[in-house]
């Protein structure tokens, strides 16, 4: 998005998909609830207003990021390269170093998204070397990061068991948090690995990839989680870990395939109807909303200036 213009159509398309799955998931959870639905009015409100009520933290943060993108792009395009690097370094300390070693409550998911957006923007504007040999180097660093991440969890677990301290065991996933330096390095290196690889395009792969967001919206919906992960996919503490791993793998693959098929059906049915509606009325509605906001802004601007001028007198 760092080199593209804000599009209300993209926003409405995303909003339509989120709303569709949120409402459908609520209906399914009510329909298949064994003890009768007891989610309460707030659950219904969250399902009907998923973005505003933060039903999916990722979606809410991403949509807010879309709204902020024109302003972030202005920063990206007007900062000098050394200023840009300084900004990224400061954000790296605030958003990753401090949360990793001091406090995990310093930043929000939106702050983290802004940092990632600016980081990717820097790569797009100033990183021009995407040679194939760099792909191997980035891949090796990414794999090394994954190994270090696994070792950190294993070591913390071992120390907790050795000392008999449950408090230590509770930190076994500490370095797996979103803001962790290790996770950040892994994400960046894998991102760069695919940027440096030889260009590849396949219609089937693109179709499956295009349904990935729908898979997330279905299987991680707050109203479907209990139904899916406790009633359908029941965890069994088998004595043979190999079977447990195999069972888990099969469940994950099946869920992904089924959710992909569901989203592809939605794309060719409900989404086409929604896009036609957006194409016909979207821009007009957006223009009216902007006009309304301008009126509100001018009203408060007039009030603010009169207040300031009164104080100055």
C-alpha atoms as a PDB file:
ATOM      1  CA  UNK A   1       0.000   0.000   0.000  1.00  0.00           C
ATOM      2  CA  UNK A   2       2.992   2.330   0.326  1.00  0.00           C
ATOM      3  CA  UNK A   3       2.791   3.258  -3.380  1.00  0.00           C
ATOM      4  CA  UNK A   4      -0.943   2.973  -3.913  1.00  0.00           C
ATOM      5  CA  UNK A   5      -3.872   5.278  -3.289  1.00  0.00           C
ATOM      6  CA  UNK A   6      -6.563   4.657  -0.703  1.00  0.00           C
ATOM      7  CA  UNK A   7      -9.560   2.877  -2.222  1.00  0.00           C
ATOM      8  CA  UNK A   8     -12.971   2.791  -0.561  1.00  0.00           C
ATOM      9  CA  UNK A   9     -13.763  -0.283  -2.687  1.00  0.00           C
ATOM     10  CA  UNK A  10     -10.958  -2.278  -1.030  1.00  0.00           C
ATOM     11  CA  UNK A  11     -12.212  -1.260   2.382  1.00  0.00           C
ATOM     12  CA  UNK A  12     -15.837  -2.175   1.631  1.00  0.00           C
ATOM     13  CA  UNK A  13     -14.815  -5.488   0.093  1.00  0.00           C
ATOM     14  CA  UNK A  14     -12.868  -6.391   3.243  1.00  0.00           C
ATOM     15  CA  UNK A  15     -15.629  -5.107   5.519  1.00  0.00           C
ATOM     16  CA  UNK A  16     -18.226  -7.169   3.626  1.00  0.00           C
ATOM     17  CA  UNK A  17     -16.213 -10.382   3.983  1.00  0.00           C
ATOM     18  CA  UNK A  18     -15.631  -9.857   7.706  1.00  0.00           C
ATOM     19  CA  UNK A  19     -19.288  -9.002   8.362  1.00  0.00           C
ATOM     20  CA  UNK A  20     -20.511 -12.015   6.369  1.00  0.00           C
ATOM     21  CA  UNK A  21     -18.449 -14.554   8.308  1.00  0.00           C
ATOM     22  CA  UNK A  22     -19.071 -12.881  11.645  1.00  0.00           C
ATOM     23  CA  UNK A  23     -22.864 -13.016  11.274  1.00  0.00           C
ATOM     24  CA  UNK A  24     -22.864 -16.529   9.763  1.00  0.00           C
ATOM     25  CA  UNK A  25     -20.632 -17.782  12.601  1.00  0.00           C
ATOM     26  CA  UNK A  26     -23.043 -16.330  15.156  1.00  0.00           C
ATOM     27  CA  UNK A  27     -25.956 -18.088  13.447  1.00  0.00           C
ATOM     28  CA  UNK A  28     -24.093 -21.427  13.336  1.00  0.00           C
ATOM     29  CA  UNK A  29     -23.128 -21.192  17.006  1.00  0.00           C
ATOM     30  CA  UNK A  30     -26.762 -20.491  17.974  1.00  0.00           C
ATOM     31  CA  UNK A  31     -28.054 -23.310  15.758  1.00  0.00           C
ATOM     32  CA  UNK A  32     -25.664 -25.952  17.069  1.00  0.00           C
ATOM     33  CA  UNK A  33     -25.462 -24.836  20.689  1.00  0.00           C
ATOM     34  CA  UNK A  34     -26.408 -27.902  22.759  1.00  0.00           C
ATOM     35  CA  UNK A  35     -27.254 -26.039  25.955  1.00  0.00           C
ATOM     36  CA  UNK A  36     -29.080 -23.226  24.176  1.00  0.00           C
ATOM     37  CA  UNK A  37     -27.548 -19.909  23.241  1.00  0.00           C
ATOM     38  CA  UNK A  38     -26.405 -17.868  26.244  1.00  0.00           C
ATOM     39  CA  UNK A  39     -23.867 -15.535  24.691  1.00  0.00           C
ATOM     40  CA  UNK A  40     -25.714 -12.371  25.655  1.00  0.00           C
ATOM     41  CA  UNK A  41     -26.536  -9.174  23.808  1.00  0.00           C
ATOM     42  CA  UNK A  42     -22.894  -8.048  23.649  1.00  0.00           C
ATOM     43  CA  UNK A  43     -21.968 -11.160  21.670  1.00  0.00           C
ATOM     44  CA  UNK A  44     -24.665 -10.302  19.121  1.00  0.00           C
ATOM     45  CA  UNK A  45     -23.509  -6.676  18.924  1.00  0.00           C
ATOM     46  CA  UNK A  46     -19.898  -7.807  18.399  1.00  0.00           C
ATOM     47  CA  UNK A  47     -20.986 -10.152  15.618  1.00  0.00           C
ATOM     48  CA  UNK A  48     -23.021  -7.452  13.858  1.00  0.00           C
ATOM     49  CA  UNK A  49     -20.286  -4.807  14.286  1.00  0.00           C
ATOM     50  CA  UNK A  50     -17.132  -6.963  14.131  1.00  0.00           C
ATOM     51  CA  UNK A  51     -14.674  -4.227  13.138  1.00  0.00           C
ATOM     52  CA  UNK A  52     -15.864  -1.531  15.523  1.00  0.00           C
ATOM     53  CA  UNK A  53     -16.180  -4.005  18.417  1.00  0.00           C
ATOM     54  CA  UNK A  54     -12.781  -5.602  17.742  1.00  0.00           C
ATOM     55  CA  UNK A  55     -14.128  -9.138  17.283  1.00  0.00           C
ATOM     56  CA  UNK A  56     -11.024  -9.940  15.230  1.00  0.00           C
ATOM     57  CA  UNK A  57      -8.091  -7.931  16.637  1.00  0.00           C
ATOM     58  CA  UNK A  58      -6.130  -8.443  13.426  1.00  0.00           C
ATOM     59  CA  UNK A  59      -8.922  -7.185  11.179  1.00  0.00           C
ATOM     60  CA  UNK A  60      -9.639  -4.099  13.284  1.00  0.00           C
ATOM     61  CA  UNK A  61      -5.958  -3.134  13.400  1.00  0.00           C
ATOM     62  CA  UNK A  62      -5.524  -3.782   9.680  1.00  0.00           C
ATOM     63  CA  UNK A  63      -8.547  -1.694   8.670  1.00  0.00           C
ATOM     64  CA  UNK A  64      -7.388   1.178  10.864  1.00  0.00           C
ATOM     65  CA  UNK A  65      -3.985   0.805   9.195  1.00  0.00           C
ATOM     66  CA  UNK A  66      -5.702   1.078   5.782  1.00  0.00           C
ATOM     67  CA  UNK A  67      -7.362   4.304   6.912  1.00  0.00           C
ATOM     68  CA  UNK A  68      -4.030   5.668   8.172  1.00  0.00           C
ATOM     69  CA  UNK A  69      -2.084   4.519   5.089  1.00  0.00           C
ATOM     70  CA  UNK A  70      -2.332   7.830   3.121  1.00  0.00           C
ATOM     71  CA  UNK A  71      -0.786   9.678   6.076  1.00  0.00           C
ATOM     72  CA  UNK A  72       1.872   7.005   6.597  1.00  0.00           C
ATOM     73  CA  UNK A  73       2.664   7.153   2.869  1.00  0.00           C
ATOM     74  CA  UNK A  74       3.156  10.908   3.165  1.00  0.00           C
ATOM     75  CA  UNK A  75       5.722  10.259   5.904  1.00  0.00           C
ATOM     76  CA  UNK A  76       7.432   7.532   3.850  1.00  0.00           C
ATOM     77  CA  UNK A  77       7.676   9.658   0.709  1.00  0.00           C
ATOM     78  CA  UNK A  78       8.863  12.853   2.411  1.00  0.00           C
ATOM     79  CA  UNK A  79      11.405  11.607   4.946  1.00  0.00           C
ATOM     80  CA  UNK A  80      15.048  11.482   3.923  1.00  0.00           C
ATOM     81  CA  UNK A  81      16.593   8.015   4.031  1.00  0.00           C
ATOM     82  CA  UNK A  82      18.704   8.693   7.128  1.00  0.00           C
ATOM     83  CA  UNK A  83      15.650  10.178   8.907  1.00  0.00           C
ATOM     84  CA  UNK A  84      13.639   7.128   7.885  1.00  0.00           C
ATOM     85  CA  UNK A  85      16.287   4.788   9.335  1.00  0.00           C
ATOM     86  CA  UNK A  86      16.322   6.764  12.583  1.00  0.00           C
ATOM     87  CA  UNK A  87      12.536   6.529  12.838  1.00  0.00           C
ATOM     88  CA  UNK A  88      12.628   2.754  12.276  1.00  0.00           C
ATOM     89  CA  UNK A  89      15.380   2.365  14.896  1.00  0.00           C
ATOM     90  CA  UNK A  90      13.362   4.308  17.495  1.00  0.00           C
ATOM     91  CA  UNK A  91      10.229   2.259  16.702  1.00  0.00           C
ATOM     92  CA  UNK A  92      12.287  -0.947  16.882  1.00  0.00           C
ATOM     93  CA  UNK A  93      13.413  -0.064  20.416  1.00  0.00           C
ATOM     94  CA  UNK A  94       9.919   0.986  21.523  1.00  0.00           C
ATOM     95  CA  UNK A  95       7.920  -1.726  19.763  1.00  0.00           C
ATOM     96  CA  UNK A  96      10.227  -4.760  19.981  1.00  0.00           C
ATOM     97  CA  UNK A  97      13.251  -4.419  22.298  1.00  0.00           C
ATOM     98  CA  UNK A  98      11.404  -2.993  25.319  1.00  0.00           C
ATOM     99  CA  UNK A  99       8.377  -5.343  25.000  1.00  0.00           C
ATOM    100  CA  UNK A 100      10.732  -8.333  24.658  1.00  0.00           C
ATOM    101  CA  UNK A 101      12.876  -7.623  27.707  1.00  0.00           C
ATOM    102  CA  UNK A 102      10.996  -5.125  29.891  1.00  0.00           C
ATOM    103  CA  UNK A 103       7.237  -4.725  29.379  1.00  0.00           C
ATOM    104  CA  UNK A 104       4.839  -6.368  26.933  1.00  0.00           C
ATOM    105  CA  UNK A 105       2.168  -3.713  27.550  1.00  0.00           C
ATOM    106  CA  UNK A 106       4.081  -0.797  26.042  1.00  0.00           C
ATOM    107  CA  UNK A 107       2.591  -1.073  22.548  1.00  0.00           C
ATOM    108  CA  UNK A 108      -0.701  -2.082  20.962  1.00  0.00           C
ATOM    109  CA  UNK A 109      -1.337  -4.244  17.911  1.00  0.00           C
ATOM    110  CA  UNK A 110      -2.010  -1.078  15.880  1.00  0.00           C
ATOM    111  CA  UNK A 111       1.348   0.442  16.888  1.00  0.00           C
ATOM    112  CA  UNK A 112       3.015  -2.824  15.881  1.00  0.00           C
ATOM    113  CA  UNK A 113       1.230  -2.797  12.506  1.00  0.00           C
ATOM    114  CA  UNK A 114       2.392   0.781  11.855  1.00  0.00           C
ATOM    115  CA  UNK A 115       5.978  -0.264  12.607  1.00  0.00           C
ATOM    116  CA  UNK A 116       5.734  -3.245  10.216  1.00  0.00           C
ATOM    117  CA  UNK A 117       4.115  -1.048   7.547  1.00  0.00           C
ATOM    118  CA  UNK A 118       6.956   1.479   7.739  1.00  0.00           C
ATOM    119  CA  UNK A 119       9.543  -1.321   7.725  1.00  0.00           C
ATOM    120  CA  UNK A 120       8.065  -2.874   4.577  1.00  0.00           C
ATOM    121  CA  UNK A 121       7.800   0.609   3.048  1.00  0.00           C
ATOM    122  CA  UNK A 122      11.520   1.126   3.621  1.00  0.00           C
ATOM    123  CA  UNK A 123      12.265  -2.184   1.879  1.00  0.00           C
ATOM    124  CA  UNK A 124      10.136  -1.170  -1.092  1.00  0.00           C
ATOM    125  CA  UNK A 125      11.697   2.287  -1.475  1.00  0.00           C
ATOM    126  CA  UNK A 126      15.346   1.633  -0.630  1.00  0.00           C
ATOM    127  CA  UNK A 127      16.104  -2.095  -0.930  1.00  0.00           C
ATOM    128  CA  UNK A 128      16.923  -2.866  -4.551  1.00  0.00           C
ATOM    129  CA  UNK A 129      19.102  -5.977  -4.285  1.00  0.00           C
ATOM    130  CA  UNK A 130      16.811  -9.001  -4.677  1.00  0.00           C
ATOM    131  CA  UNK A 131      19.359 -11.451  -6.097  1.00  0.00           C
ATOM    132  CA  UNK A 132      18.780 -15.195  -5.811  1.00  0.00           C
ATOM    133  CA  UNK A 133      21.821 -15.775  -3.566  1.00  0.00           C
ATOM    134  CA  UNK A 134      20.322 -13.327  -1.063  1.00  0.00           C
ATOM    135  CA  UNK A 135      17.224 -15.542  -0.890  1.00  0.00           C
ATOM    136  CA  UNK A 136      19.354 -18.409   0.436  1.00  0.00           C
ATOM    137  CA  UNK A 137      21.021 -16.160   3.001  1.00  0.00           C
ATOM    138  CA  UNK A 138      17.697 -14.778   4.218  1.00  0.00           C
ATOM    139  CA  UNK A 139      16.218 -18.295   4.362  1.00  0.00           C
ATOM    140  CA  UNK A 140      19.141 -19.580   6.456  1.00  0.00           C
ATOM    141  CA  UNK A 141      18.822 -16.687   8.911  1.00  0.00           C
ATOM    142  CA  UNK A 142      15.071 -17.297   9.137  1.00  0.00           C
ATOM    143  CA  UNK A 143      15.568 -21.018   9.814  1.00  0.00           C
ATOM    144  CA  UNK A 144      18.248 -20.197  12.409  1.00  0.00           C
ATOM    145  CA  UNK A 145      15.774 -17.852  14.092  1.00  0.00           C
ATOM    146  CA  UNK A 146      13.165 -20.627  14.241  1.00  0.00           C
ATOM    147  CA  UNK A 147      15.728 -22.953  15.848  1.00  0.00           C
ATOM    148  CA  UNK A 148      16.656 -20.274  18.406  1.00  0.00           C
ATOM    149  CA  UNK A 149      12.960 -19.702  19.135  1.00  0.00           C
ATOM    150  CA  UNK A 150      12.404 -23.407  19.737  1.00  0.00           C
ATOM    151  CA  UNK A 151      15.553 -23.640  21.900  1.00  0.00           C
ATOM    152  CA  UNK A 152      14.437 -20.673  24.032  1.00  0.00           C
ATOM    153  CA  UNK A 153      11.107 -22.363  24.799  1.00  0.00           C
ATOM    154  CA  UNK A 154      12.763 -25.721  25.492  1.00  0.00           C
ATOM    155  CA  UNK A 155      15.387 -24.136  27.773  1.00  0.00           C
ATOM    156  CA  UNK A 156      12.820 -22.173  29.790  1.00  0.00           C
ATOM    157  CA  UNK A 157      10.727 -25.333  30.169  1.00  0.00           C
ATOM    158  CA  UNK A 158      13.763 -27.319  31.297  1.00  0.00           C
ATOM    159  CA  UNK A 159      14.747 -24.683  33.871  1.00  0.00           C
ATOM    160  CA  UNK A 160      11.172 -24.504  35.180  1.00  0.00           C
ATOM    161  CA  UNK A 161      10.946 -28.287  35.557  1.00  0.00           C
ATOM    162  CA  UNK A 162      14.431 -28.506  37.135  1.00  0.00           C
ATOM    163  CA  UNK A 163      13.631 -25.793  39.697  1.00  0.00           C
ATOM    164  CA  UNK A 164      10.040 -26.940  40.147  1.00  0.00           C
ATOM    165  CA  UNK A 165       8.782 -23.409  39.512  1.00  0.00           C
ATOM    166  CA  UNK A 166       5.473 -23.043  37.656  1.00  0.00           C
ATOM    167  CA  UNK A 167       6.112 -19.318  37.342  1.00  0.00           C
ATOM    168  CA  UNK A 168       9.182 -20.042  35.180  1.00  0.00           C
ATOM    169  CA  UNK A 169       7.161 -22.477  33.048  1.00  0.00           C
ATOM    170  CA  UNK A 170       4.620 -19.743  32.365  1.00  0.00           C
ATOM    171  CA  UNK A 171       7.346 -17.857  30.444  1.00  0.00           C
ATOM    172  CA  UNK A 172       8.034 -20.751  28.052  1.00  0.00           C
ATOM    173  CA  UNK A 173       6.277 -18.911  25.164  1.00  0.00           C
ATOM    174  CA  UNK A 174       7.585 -15.454  26.089  1.00  0.00           C
ATOM    175  CA  UNK A 175       9.851 -15.115  23.041  1.00  0.00           C
ATOM    176  CA  UNK A 176       7.047 -16.325  20.752  1.00  0.00           C
ATOM    177  CA  UNK A 177       5.001 -13.159  21.272  1.00  0.00           C
ATOM    178  CA  UNK A 178       4.189 -10.954  18.286  1.00  0.00           C
ATOM    179  CA  UNK A 179       6.596  -8.189  19.371  1.00  0.00           C
ATOM    180  CA  UNK A 180       9.511 -10.526  20.166  1.00  0.00           C
ATOM    181  CA  UNK A 181      12.820  -9.625  18.507  1.00  0.00           C
ATOM    182  CA  UNK A 182      13.266 -13.266  17.463  1.00  0.00           C
ATOM    183  CA  UNK A 183       9.817 -13.420  15.844  1.00  0.00           C
ATOM    184  CA  UNK A 184      10.444 -10.071  14.139  1.00  0.00           C
ATOM    185  CA  UNK A 185      13.735 -11.298  12.660  1.00  0.00           C
ATOM    186  CA  UNK A 186      12.141 -14.569  11.484  1.00  0.00           C
ATOM    187  CA  UNK A 187       9.223 -12.710   9.849  1.00  0.00           C
ATOM    188  CA  UNK A 188      11.524 -10.194   8.151  1.00  0.00           C
ATOM    189  CA  UNK A 189      13.933 -12.845   6.854  1.00  0.00           C
ATOM    190  CA  UNK A 190      11.157 -15.068   5.477  1.00  0.00           C
ATOM    191  CA  UNK A 191       9.552 -12.004   3.888  1.00  0.00           C
ATOM    192  CA  UNK A 192      12.876 -11.123   2.234  1.00  0.00           C
ATOM    193  CA  UNK A 193      13.430 -14.757   1.200  1.00  0.00           C
ATOM    194  CA  UNK A 194      10.340 -14.736  -1.010  1.00  0.00           C
ATOM    195  CA  UNK A 195      11.063 -11.239  -2.325  1.00  0.00           C
ATOM    196  CA  UNK A 196      14.488 -12.406  -3.497  1.00  0.00           C
ATOM    197  CA  UNK A 197      13.281 -15.649  -5.047  1.00  0.00           C
ATOM    198  CA  UNK A 198      12.641 -16.018  -8.744  1.00  0.00           C
ATOM    199  CA  UNK A 199       9.237 -14.655  -9.736  1.00  0.00           C
ATOM    200  CA  UNK A 200       6.581 -17.341  -9.770  1.00  0.00           C
ATOM    201  CA  UNK A 201       2.884 -17.281 -10.616  1.00  0.00           C
ATOM    202  CA  UNK A 202       0.285 -20.026 -10.668  1.00  0.00           C
ATOM    203  CA  UNK A 203      -3.489 -19.602 -10.949  1.00  0.00           C
ATOM    204  CA  UNK A 204      -4.278 -22.503  -8.597  1.00  0.00           C
ATOM    205  CA  UNK A 205      -1.858 -21.232  -5.948  1.00  0.00           C
ATOM    206  CA  UNK A 206      -3.326 -17.733  -6.291  1.00  0.00           C
ATOM    207  CA  UNK A 207      -6.879 -19.050  -5.862  1.00  0.00           C
ATOM    208  CA  UNK A 208      -5.929 -20.951  -2.700  1.00  0.00           C
ATOM    209  CA  UNK A 209      -3.957 -17.973  -1.367  1.00  0.00           C
ATOM    210  CA  UNK A 210      -6.897 -15.674  -2.086  1.00  0.00           C
ATOM    211  CA  UNK A 211      -9.011 -17.739   0.305  1.00  0.00           C
ATOM    212  CA  UNK A 212      -6.479 -17.667   3.166  1.00  0.00           C
ATOM    213  CA  UNK A 213      -8.076 -14.646   4.838  1.00  0.00           C
ATOM    214  CA  UNK A 214     -11.449 -16.378   4.742  1.00  0.00           C
ATOM    215  CA  UNK A 215      -9.901 -19.445   6.391  1.00  0.00           C
ATOM    216  CA  UNK A 216      -8.717 -17.209   9.232  1.00  0.00           C
ATOM    217  CA  UNK A 217     -12.137 -15.560   9.622  1.00  0.00           C
ATOM    218  CA  UNK A 218     -13.891 -18.945   9.821  1.00  0.00           C
ATOM    219  CA  UNK A 219     -11.682 -21.091  12.020  1.00  0.00           C
ATOM    220  CA  UNK A 220     -10.630 -18.374  14.483  1.00  0.00           C
ATOM    221  CA  UNK A 221     -14.057 -16.801  14.993  1.00  0.00           C
ATOM    222  CA  UNK A 222     -14.840 -16.371  18.681  1.00  0.00           C
ATOM    223  CA  UNK A 223     -18.281 -17.979  18.267  1.00  0.00           C
ATOM    224  CA  UNK A 224     -16.968 -20.995  16.325  1.00  0.00           C
ATOM    225  CA  UNK A 225     -13.865 -21.706  18.398  1.00  0.00           C
ATOM    226  CA  UNK A 226     -15.569 -23.807  21.083  1.00  0.00           C
ATOM    227  CA  UNK A 227     -17.735 -25.642  18.558  1.00  0.00           C
ATOM    228  CA  UNK A 228     -14.771 -26.430  16.301  1.00  0.00           C
ATOM    229  CA  UNK A 229     -11.941 -27.100  18.747  1.00  0.00           C
ATOM    230  CA  UNK A 230     -13.852 -28.777  21.581  1.00  0.00           C
ATOM    231  CA  UNK A 231     -16.838 -30.492  19.973  1.00  0.00           C
ATOM    232  CA  UNK A 232     -15.642 -31.384  16.456  1.00  0.00           C
ATOM    233  CA  UNK A 233     -11.865 -31.619  16.853  1.00  0.00           C
ATOM    234  CA  UNK A 234     -11.616 -33.176  20.292  1.00  0.00           C
ATOM    235  CA  UNK A 235      -8.194 -33.189  21.885  1.00  0.00           C
ATOM    236  CA  UNK A 236      -7.192 -36.632  23.075  1.00  0.00           C
ATOM    237  CA  UNK A 237      -4.178 -37.045  25.332  1.00  0.00           C
ATOM    238  CA  UNK A 238      -2.911 -40.216  23.739  1.00  0.00           C
ATOM    239  CA  UNK A 239       0.014 -42.085  25.199  1.00  0.00           C
ATOM    240  CA  UNK A 240       1.732 -42.224  21.808  1.00  0.00           C
ATOM    241  CA  UNK A 241       2.833 -38.696  20.816  1.00  0.00           C
ATOM    242  CA  UNK A 242       3.466 -39.751  17.201  1.00  0.00           C
ATOM    243  CA  UNK A 243      -0.227 -40.535  16.721  1.00  0.00           C
ATOM    244  CA  UNK A 244      -1.179 -37.268  18.383  1.00  0.00           C
ATOM    245  CA  UNK A 245       1.049 -35.314  15.979  1.00  0.00           C
ATOM    246  CA  UNK A 246      -0.379 -37.215  12.996  1.00  0.00           C
ATOM    247  CA  UNK A 247      -3.957 -36.628  14.206  1.00  0.00           C
ATOM    248  CA  UNK A 248      -3.249 -32.903  14.698  1.00  0.00           C
ATOM    249  CA  UNK A 249      -1.696 -32.605  11.242  1.00  0.00           C
ATOM    250  CA  UNK A 250      -4.657 -34.292   9.542  1.00  0.00           C
ATOM    251  CA  UNK A 251      -7.128 -32.055  11.423  1.00  0.00           C
ATOM    252  CA  UNK A 252      -5.264 -28.892  10.431  1.00  0.00           C
ATOM    253  CA  UNK A 253      -5.095 -29.894   6.757  1.00  0.00           C
ATOM    254  CA  UNK A 254      -8.774 -30.892   6.629  1.00  0.00           C
ATOM    255  CA  UNK A 255      -9.910 -27.688   8.337  1.00  0.00           C
ATOM    256  CA  UNK A 256      -7.841 -25.595   5.921  1.00  0.00           C
ATOM    257  CA  UNK A 257      -9.213 -27.427   2.870  1.00  0.00           C
ATOM    258  CA  UNK A 258     -12.855 -27.226   4.029  1.00  0.00           C
ATOM    259  CA  UNK A 259     -12.566 -23.525   4.957  1.00  0.00           C
ATOM    260  CA  UNK A 260     -10.877 -22.798   1.601  1.00  0.00           C
ATOM    261  CA  UNK A 261     -13.740 -24.456  -0.297  1.00  0.00           C
ATOM    262  CA  UNK A 262     -16.281 -22.471   1.755  1.00  0.00           C
ATOM    263  CA  UNK A 263     -14.529 -19.182   0.983  1.00  0.00           C
ATOM    264  CA  UNK A 264     -14.188 -19.952  -2.727  1.00  0.00           C
ATOM    265  CA  UNK A 265     -17.944 -20.590  -2.852  1.00  0.00           C
ATOM    266  CA  UNK A 266     -18.501 -17.242  -1.080  1.00  0.00           C
ATOM    267  CA  UNK A 267     -16.232 -15.464  -3.582  1.00  0.00           C
ATOM    268  CA  UNK A 268     -18.226 -16.744  -6.563  1.00  0.00           C
ATOM    269  CA  UNK A 269     -21.639 -16.064  -5.014  1.00  0.00           C
ATOM    270  CA  UNK A 270     -22.110 -13.597  -2.168  1.00  0.00           C
ATOM    271  CA  UNK A 271     -19.015 -11.504  -2.899  1.00  0.00           C
ATOM    272  CA  UNK A 272     -19.940 -10.945  -6.555  1.00  0.00           C
ATOM    273  CA  UNK A 273     -23.327  -9.593  -5.490  1.00  0.00           C
ATOM    274  CA  UNK A 274     -21.645  -7.394  -2.849  1.00  0.00           C
ATOM    275  CA  UNK A 275     -19.064  -6.045  -5.322  1.00  0.00           C
ATOM    276  CA  UNK A 276     -21.809  -5.129  -7.803  1.00  0.00           C
ATOM    277  CA  UNK A 277     -23.564  -3.218  -5.016  1.00  0.00           C
ATOM    278  CA  UNK A 278     -20.290  -1.479  -4.046  1.00  0.00           C
ATOM    279  CA  UNK A 279     -19.538  -0.553  -7.678  1.00  0.00           C
ATOM    280  CA  UNK A 280     -22.978   0.967  -8.073  1.00  0.00           C
ATOM    281  CA  UNK A 281     -23.404   2.802  -4.770  1.00  0.00           C
ATOM    282  CA  UNK A 282     -20.037   2.724  -2.949  1.00  0.00           C
ATOM    283  CA  UNK A 283     -18.471   5.891  -4.332  1.00  0.00           C
ATOM    284  CA  UNK A 284     -21.669   7.928  -3.941  1.00  0.00           C
ATOM    285  CA  UNK A 285     -22.060   6.860  -0.316  1.00  0.00           C
ATOM    286  CA  UNK A 286     -18.388   7.578   0.338  1.00  0.00           C
ATOM    287  CA  UNK A 287     -18.685  11.072  -1.164  1.00  0.00           C
ATOM    288  CA  UNK A 288     -21.677  11.820   1.077  1.00  0.00           C
ATOM    289  CA  UNK A 289     -19.789  10.550   4.143  1.00  0.00           C
ATOM    290  CA  UNK A 290     -16.758  12.712   3.280  1.00  0.00           C
ATOM    291  CA  UNK A 291     -19.032  15.713   2.766  1.00  0.00           C
ATOM    292  CA  UNK A 292     -20.610  15.106   6.176  1.00  0.00           C
ATOM    293  CA  UNK A 293     -17.203  14.818   7.852  1.00  0.00           C
ATOM    294  CA  UNK A 294     -16.055  18.042   6.202  1.00  0.00           C
ATOM    295  CA  UNK A 295     -19.077  19.839   7.650  1.00  0.00           C
ATOM    296  CA  UNK A 296     -18.378  18.433  11.111  1.00  0.00           C
ATOM    297  CA  UNK A 297     -14.694  19.330  10.804  1.00  0.00           C
ATOM    298  CA  UNK A 298     -15.444  22.894   9.715  1.00  0.00           C
ATOM    299  CA  UNK A 299     -17.920  23.284  12.589  1.00  0.00           C
ATOM    300  CA  UNK A 300     -15.354  22.248  15.204  1.00  0.00           C
ATOM    301  CA  UNK A 301     -12.610  24.192  13.430  1.00  0.00           C
ATOM    302  CA  UNK A 302     -14.713  27.365  13.701  1.00  0.00           C
ATOM    303  CA  UNK A 303     -15.441  26.662  17.359  1.00  0.00           C
ATOM    304  CA  UNK A 304     -11.773  25.938  18.068  1.00  0.00           C
ATOM    305  CA  UNK A 305     -10.536  29.120  16.381  1.00  0.00           C
ATOM    306  CA  UNK A 306     -13.074  31.258  18.222  1.00  0.00           C
ATOM    307  CA  UNK A 307     -11.976  29.649  21.489  1.00  0.00           C
ATOM    308  CA  UNK A 308      -8.293  30.291  20.750  1.00  0.00           C
ATOM    309  CA  UNK A 309      -8.908  33.862  19.651  1.00  0.00           C
ATOM    310  CA  UNK A 310     -10.932  34.435  22.828  1.00  0.00           C
ATOM    311  CA  UNK A 311      -8.064  33.148  24.968  1.00  0.00           C
ATOM    312  CA  UNK A 312      -5.580  35.369  23.141  1.00  0.00           C
ATOM    313  CA  UNK A 313      -7.720  38.459  23.760  1.00  0.00           C
END
